[in-house]
Amino acid sequence: MLSDPMLDSIMSRSDWSEPDSVLGTYVAQMDRLINLVEPGVPLSLTVHGLLVSGDLIPQWQWFAEVSEMNDYEDAFFVGMAEHMKEQSDLAHHAIRQRDIGGEVTHRQMSALLAPTKYIHLRNTRIYSPDSKPDEVRLWRGRLSDVSGWTPGLSVDA
């Protein structure tokens, strides 16, 4: 069997498994917000052949809302929310310091440069080809699993 050099170069590219850099930047900017986001930014994603639509919220806010589900506060999720909020605050302050020519601490720089790996949605609908949409209050997924996206919600949402 003969190989096609053009096809071989496309198939061997390693960046196919990398998250979309534009979506990653969009989510990273959301994660750096330090105030609650209400109602969230409508977003639709394609994930392993499913359509996932919901409101994008910061990572720390997602953990805080999970901790409040079912009228209880789970210590793990409360702790994660506090940690993520602290990282968001550090990144936010690093940007402000950098913009005014101030000195950025190592902790602030680490928070600012931390890679964004997950996306967090609220009021989510998951559409599969053969059934009605499933509705979930909070959804978290890997950015590297998203194969396509668009701002806004799906037509039925």
C-alpha atoms as a PDB file:
ATOM      1  CA  MET A   1       0.000   0.000   0.000  1.00  0.00           C
ATOM      2  CA  LEU A   2       1.392   3.413  -0.988  1.00  0.00           C
ATOM      3  CA  SER A   3       1.372   6.216   1.509  1.00  0.00           C
ATOM      4  CA  ASP A   4       0.314   9.762   0.795  1.00  0.00           C
ATOM      5  CA  PRO A   5       2.854  12.265   2.244  1.00  0.00           C
ATOM      6  CA  MET A   6       0.186  14.946   2.687  1.00  0.00           C
ATOM      7  CA  LEU A   7      -2.197  12.599   4.480  1.00  0.00           C
ATOM      8  CA  ASP A   8       0.642  11.158   6.581  1.00  0.00           C
ATOM      9  CA  SER A   9       1.632  14.631   7.784  1.00  0.00           C
ATOM     10  CA  ILE A  10      -1.959  15.453   8.702  1.00  0.00           C
ATOM     11  CA  MET A  11      -2.522  12.170  10.512  1.00  0.00           C
ATOM     12  CA  SER A  12       0.718  12.461  12.486  1.00  0.00           C
ATOM     13  CA  ARG A  13      -0.023  15.928  13.828  1.00  0.00           C
ATOM     14  CA  SER A  14      -0.074  15.883  17.590  1.00  0.00           C
ATOM     15  CA  ASP A  15      -2.156  19.033  18.017  1.00  0.00           C
ATOM     16  CA  TRP A  16      -5.416  17.230  17.158  1.00  0.00           C
ATOM     17  CA  SER A  17      -5.676  16.165  20.795  1.00  0.00           C
ATOM     18  CA  GLU A  18      -4.936  19.667  22.079  1.00  0.00           C
ATOM     19  CA  PRO A  19      -7.875  21.862  23.145  1.00  0.00           C
ATOM     20  CA  ASP A  20      -8.934  24.684  20.852  1.00  0.00           C
ATOM     21  CA  SER A  21      -6.726  27.597  21.877  1.00  0.00           C
ATOM     22  CA  VAL A  22      -9.488  30.167  21.356  1.00  0.00           C
ATOM     23  CA  LEU A  23     -11.914  28.241  23.557  1.00  0.00           C
ATOM     24  CA  GLY A  24      -9.134  27.678  26.096  1.00  0.00           C
ATOM     25  CA  THR A  25      -8.449  31.421  26.251  1.00  0.00           C
ATOM     26  CA  TYR A  26     -12.176  32.144  26.553  1.00  0.00           C
ATOM     27  CA  VAL A  27     -12.540  29.708  29.467  1.00  0.00           C
ATOM     28  CA  ALA A  28      -9.295  30.895  31.123  1.00  0.00           C
ATOM     29  CA  GLN A  29     -10.568  34.480  31.080  1.00  0.00           C
ATOM     30  CA  MET A  30     -13.839  33.335  32.657  1.00  0.00           C
ATOM     31  CA  ASP A  31     -11.933  31.416  35.340  1.00  0.00           C
ATOM     32  CA  ARG A  32     -10.008  34.573  36.278  1.00  0.00           C
ATOM     33  CA  LEU A  33     -13.157  36.526  37.113  1.00  0.00           C
ATOM     34  CA  ILE A  34     -13.383  37.300  40.806  1.00  0.00           C
ATOM     35  CA  ASN A  35     -17.097  38.134  41.066  1.00  0.00           C
ATOM     36  CA  LEU A  36     -20.061  35.777  40.720  1.00  0.00           C
ATOM     37  CA  VAL A  37     -21.230  35.430  37.142  1.00  0.00           C
ATOM     38  CA  GLU A  38     -25.007  35.655  36.749  1.00  0.00           C
ATOM     39  CA  PRO A  39     -26.491  34.128  34.684  1.00  0.00           C
ATOM     40  CA  GLY A  40     -23.372  32.875  32.852  1.00  0.00           C
ATOM     41  CA  VAL A  41     -22.275  33.038  29.226  1.00  0.00           C
ATOM     42  CA  PRO A  42     -24.350  30.774  26.924  1.00  0.00           C
ATOM     43  CA  LEU A  43     -22.194  28.214  25.144  1.00  0.00           C
ATOM     44  CA  SER A  44     -22.745  25.067  23.082  1.00  0.00           C
ATOM     45  CA  LEU A  45     -20.095  22.361  22.749  1.00  0.00           C
ATOM     46  CA  THR A  46     -19.649  19.175  20.767  1.00  0.00           C
ATOM     47  CA  VAL A  47     -18.214  16.481  23.038  1.00  0.00           C
ATOM     48  CA  HIS A  48     -17.768  12.922  21.727  1.00  0.00           C
ATOM     49  CA  GLY A  49     -20.685  13.341  19.332  1.00  0.00           C
ATOM     50  CA  LEU A  50     -23.014  14.895  21.898  1.00  0.00           C
ATOM     51  CA  LEU A  51     -24.206  18.490  21.997  1.00  0.00           C
ATOM     52  CA  VAL A  52     -23.679  20.051  25.424  1.00  0.00           C
ATOM     53  CA  SER A  53     -25.289  23.469  26.001  1.00  0.00           C
ATOM     54  CA  GLY A  54     -25.217  25.575  29.128  1.00  0.00           C
ATOM     55  CA  ASP A  55     -23.977  28.720  30.816  1.00  0.00           C
ATOM     56  CA  LEU A  56     -20.203  29.075  31.199  1.00  0.00           C
ATOM     57  CA  ILE A  57     -19.195  30.030  34.748  1.00  0.00           C
ATOM     58  CA  PRO A  58     -15.826  30.333  36.523  1.00  0.00           C
ATOM     59  CA  GLN A  59     -14.276  27.169  37.904  1.00  0.00           C
ATOM     60  CA  TRP A  60     -14.355  28.426  41.498  1.00  0.00           C
ATOM     61  CA  GLN A  61     -18.055  29.320  41.192  1.00  0.00           C
ATOM     62  CA  TRP A  62     -18.823  25.828  39.856  1.00  0.00           C
ATOM     63  CA  PHE A  63     -17.178  24.218  42.910  1.00  0.00           C
ATOM     64  CA  ALA A  64     -19.040  26.613  45.223  1.00  0.00           C
ATOM     65  CA  GLU A  65     -22.382  25.735  43.606  1.00  0.00           C
ATOM     66  CA  VAL A  66     -21.643  21.992  43.789  1.00  0.00           C
ATOM     67  CA  SER A  67     -20.957  22.411  47.511  1.00  0.00           C
ATOM     68  CA  GLU A  68     -24.415  23.939  47.953  1.00  0.00           C
ATOM     69  CA  MET A  69     -26.379  21.265  46.074  1.00  0.00           C
ATOM     70  CA  ASN A  70     -29.018  19.346  48.032  1.00  0.00           C
ATOM     71  CA  ASP A  71     -28.845  21.861  50.895  1.00  0.00           C
ATOM     72  CA  TYR A  72     -25.542  20.594  52.278  1.00  0.00           C
ATOM     73  CA  GLU A  73     -22.010  21.838  52.114  1.00  0.00           C
ATOM     74  CA  ASP A  74     -19.529  19.154  51.168  1.00  0.00           C
ATOM     75  CA  ALA A  75     -16.180  20.007  52.786  1.00  0.00           C
ATOM     76  CA  PHE A  76     -14.185  18.837  49.762  1.00  0.00           C
ATOM     77  CA  PHE A  77     -16.080  21.022  47.292  1.00  0.00           C
ATOM     78  CA  VAL A  78     -16.080  23.986  49.693  1.00  0.00           C
ATOM     79  CA  GLY A  79     -12.302  23.631  50.021  1.00  0.00           C
ATOM     80  CA  MET A  80     -11.865  23.338  46.253  1.00  0.00           C
ATOM     81  CA  ALA A  81     -14.040  26.415  45.687  1.00  0.00           C
ATOM     82  CA  GLU A  82     -11.947  28.408  48.169  1.00  0.00           C
ATOM     83  CA  HIS A  83      -8.688  27.220  46.587  1.00  0.00           C
ATOM     84  CA  MET A  84      -9.867  28.010  43.037  1.00  0.00           C
ATOM     85  CA  LYS A  85     -11.163  31.418  44.140  1.00  0.00           C
ATOM     86  CA  GLU A  86      -7.775  32.175  45.708  1.00  0.00           C
ATOM     87  CA  GLN A  87      -6.028  31.206  42.459  1.00  0.00           C
ATOM     88  CA  SER A  88      -8.445  33.384  40.494  1.00  0.00           C
ATOM     89  CA  ASP A  89      -7.773  36.315  42.819  1.00  0.00           C
ATOM     90  CA  LEU A  90      -3.998  35.815  42.490  1.00  0.00           C
ATOM     91  CA  ALA A  91      -4.196  35.720  38.681  1.00  0.00           C
ATOM     92  CA  HIS A  92      -6.440  38.792  38.621  1.00  0.00           C
ATOM     93  CA  HIS A  93      -4.047  40.738  40.855  1.00  0.00           C
ATOM     94  CA  ALA A  94      -1.078  39.613  38.738  1.00  0.00           C
ATOM     95  CA  ILE A  95      -2.702  41.061  35.627  1.00  0.00           C
ATOM     96  CA  ARG A  96      -3.443  44.339  37.422  1.00  0.00           C
ATOM     97  CA  GLN A  97       0.129  44.575  38.791  1.00  0.00           C
ATOM     98  CA  ARG A  98       1.623  43.775  35.394  1.00  0.00           C
ATOM     99  CA  ASP A  99      -0.553  46.377  33.664  1.00  0.00           C
ATOM    100  CA  ILE A 100       0.577  49.185  35.976  1.00  0.00           C
ATOM    101  CA  GLY A 101       4.215  48.124  35.824  1.00  0.00           C
ATOM    102  CA  GLY A 102       4.239  46.658  39.322  1.00  0.00           C
ATOM    103  CA  GLU A 103       6.075  43.596  40.534  1.00  0.00           C
ATOM    104  CA  VAL A 104       4.299  40.259  40.228  1.00  0.00           C
ATOM    105  CA  THR A 105       4.931  37.693  42.958  1.00  0.00           C
ATOM    106  CA  HIS A 106       5.856  34.088  42.226  1.00  0.00           C
ATOM    107  CA  ARG A 107       2.476  32.881  43.561  1.00  0.00           C
ATOM    108  CA  GLN A 108       0.622  35.371  41.366  1.00  0.00           C
ATOM    109  CA  MET A 109       2.649  34.369  38.308  1.00  0.00           C
ATOM    110  CA  SER A 110       2.049  30.659  38.985  1.00  0.00           C
ATOM    111  CA  ALA A 111      -1.701  31.269  39.202  1.00  0.00           C
ATOM    112  CA  LEU A 112      -1.640  33.358  36.051  1.00  0.00           C
ATOM    113  CA  LEU A 113       0.274  30.744  34.052  1.00  0.00           C
ATOM    114  CA  ALA A 114      -1.655  27.687  35.287  1.00  0.00           C
ATOM    115  CA  PRO A 115      -3.077  25.877  32.250  1.00  0.00           C
ATOM    116  CA  THR A 116      -6.840  25.749  31.860  1.00  0.00           C
ATOM    117  CA  LYS A 117      -7.883  22.114  31.425  1.00  0.00           C
ATOM    118  CA  TYR A 118     -11.594  22.044  32.281  1.00  0.00           C
ATOM    119  CA  ILE A 119     -14.735  23.884  31.288  1.00  0.00           C
ATOM    120  CA  HIS A 120     -17.613  24.474  33.730  1.00  0.00           C
ATOM    121  CA  LEU A 121     -21.268  24.898  32.759  1.00  0.00           C
ATOM    122  CA  ARG A 122     -24.458  25.553  34.712  1.00  0.00           C
ATOM    123  CA  ASN A 123     -28.046  24.744  33.640  1.00  0.00           C
ATOM    124  CA  THR A 124     -26.753  22.248  31.126  1.00  0.00           C
ATOM    125  CA  ARG A 125     -28.600  20.236  28.502  1.00  0.00           C
ATOM    126  CA  ILE A 126     -26.929  17.223  26.931  1.00  0.00           C
ATOM    127  CA  TYR A 127     -28.367  16.209  23.576  1.00  0.00           C
ATOM    128  CA  SER A 128     -27.835  12.754  22.122  1.00  0.00           C
ATOM    129  CA  PRO A 129     -29.075  11.698  18.686  1.00  0.00           C
ATOM    130  CA  ASP A 130     -31.661   9.180  19.890  1.00  0.00           C
ATOM    131  CA  SER A 131     -33.256  10.714  22.971  1.00  0.00           C
ATOM    132  CA  LYS A 132     -34.614  13.805  24.654  1.00  0.00           C
ATOM    133  CA  PRO A 133     -31.995  16.086  26.198  1.00  0.00           C
ATOM    134  CA  ASP A 134     -30.773  15.296  29.690  1.00  0.00           C
ATOM    135  CA  GLU A 135     -30.781  18.294  31.995  1.00  0.00           C
ATOM    136  CA  VAL A 136     -28.111  18.651  34.644  1.00  0.00           C
ATOM    137  CA  ARG A 137     -27.559  21.595  36.955  1.00  0.00           C
ATOM    138  CA  LEU A 138     -23.763  21.585  36.818  1.00  0.00           C
ATOM    139  CA  TRP A 139     -21.420  20.016  34.251  1.00  0.00           C
ATOM    140  CA  ARG A 140     -17.606  19.838  34.121  1.00  0.00           C
ATOM    141  CA  GLY A 141     -15.669  18.521  31.137  1.00  0.00           C
ATOM    142  CA  ARG A 142     -12.141  18.393  29.766  1.00  0.00           C
ATOM    143  CA  LEU A 143     -11.348  21.066  27.212  1.00  0.00           C
ATOM    144  CA  SER A 144      -9.381  18.473  25.231  1.00  0.00           C
ATOM    145  CA  ASP A 145     -12.628  16.499  24.694  1.00  0.00           C
ATOM    146  CA  VAL A 146     -14.391  19.421  22.990  1.00  0.00           C
ATOM    147  CA  SER A 147     -14.256  19.040  19.208  1.00  0.00           C
ATOM    148  CA  GLY A 148     -16.378  22.072  18.345  1.00  0.00           C
ATOM    149  CA  TRP A 149     -18.164  24.974  19.987  1.00  0.00           C
ATOM    150  CA  THR A 150     -20.246  28.042  19.379  1.00  0.00           C
ATOM    151  CA  PRO A 151     -21.293  30.965  21.537  1.00  0.00           C
ATOM    152  CA  GLY A 152     -24.946  30.730  22.498  1.00  0.00           C
ATOM    153  CA  LEU A 153     -27.272  27.886  23.324  1.00  0.00           C
ATOM    154  CA  SER A 154     -28.665  25.211  21.051  1.00  0.00           C
ATOM    155  CA  VAL A 155     -31.964  25.913  19.307  1.00  0.00           C
ATOM    156  CA  ASP A 156     -34.045  23.889  21.788  1.00  0.00           C
ATOM    157  CA  ALA A 157     -32.365  25.234  24.951  1.00  0.00           C
END
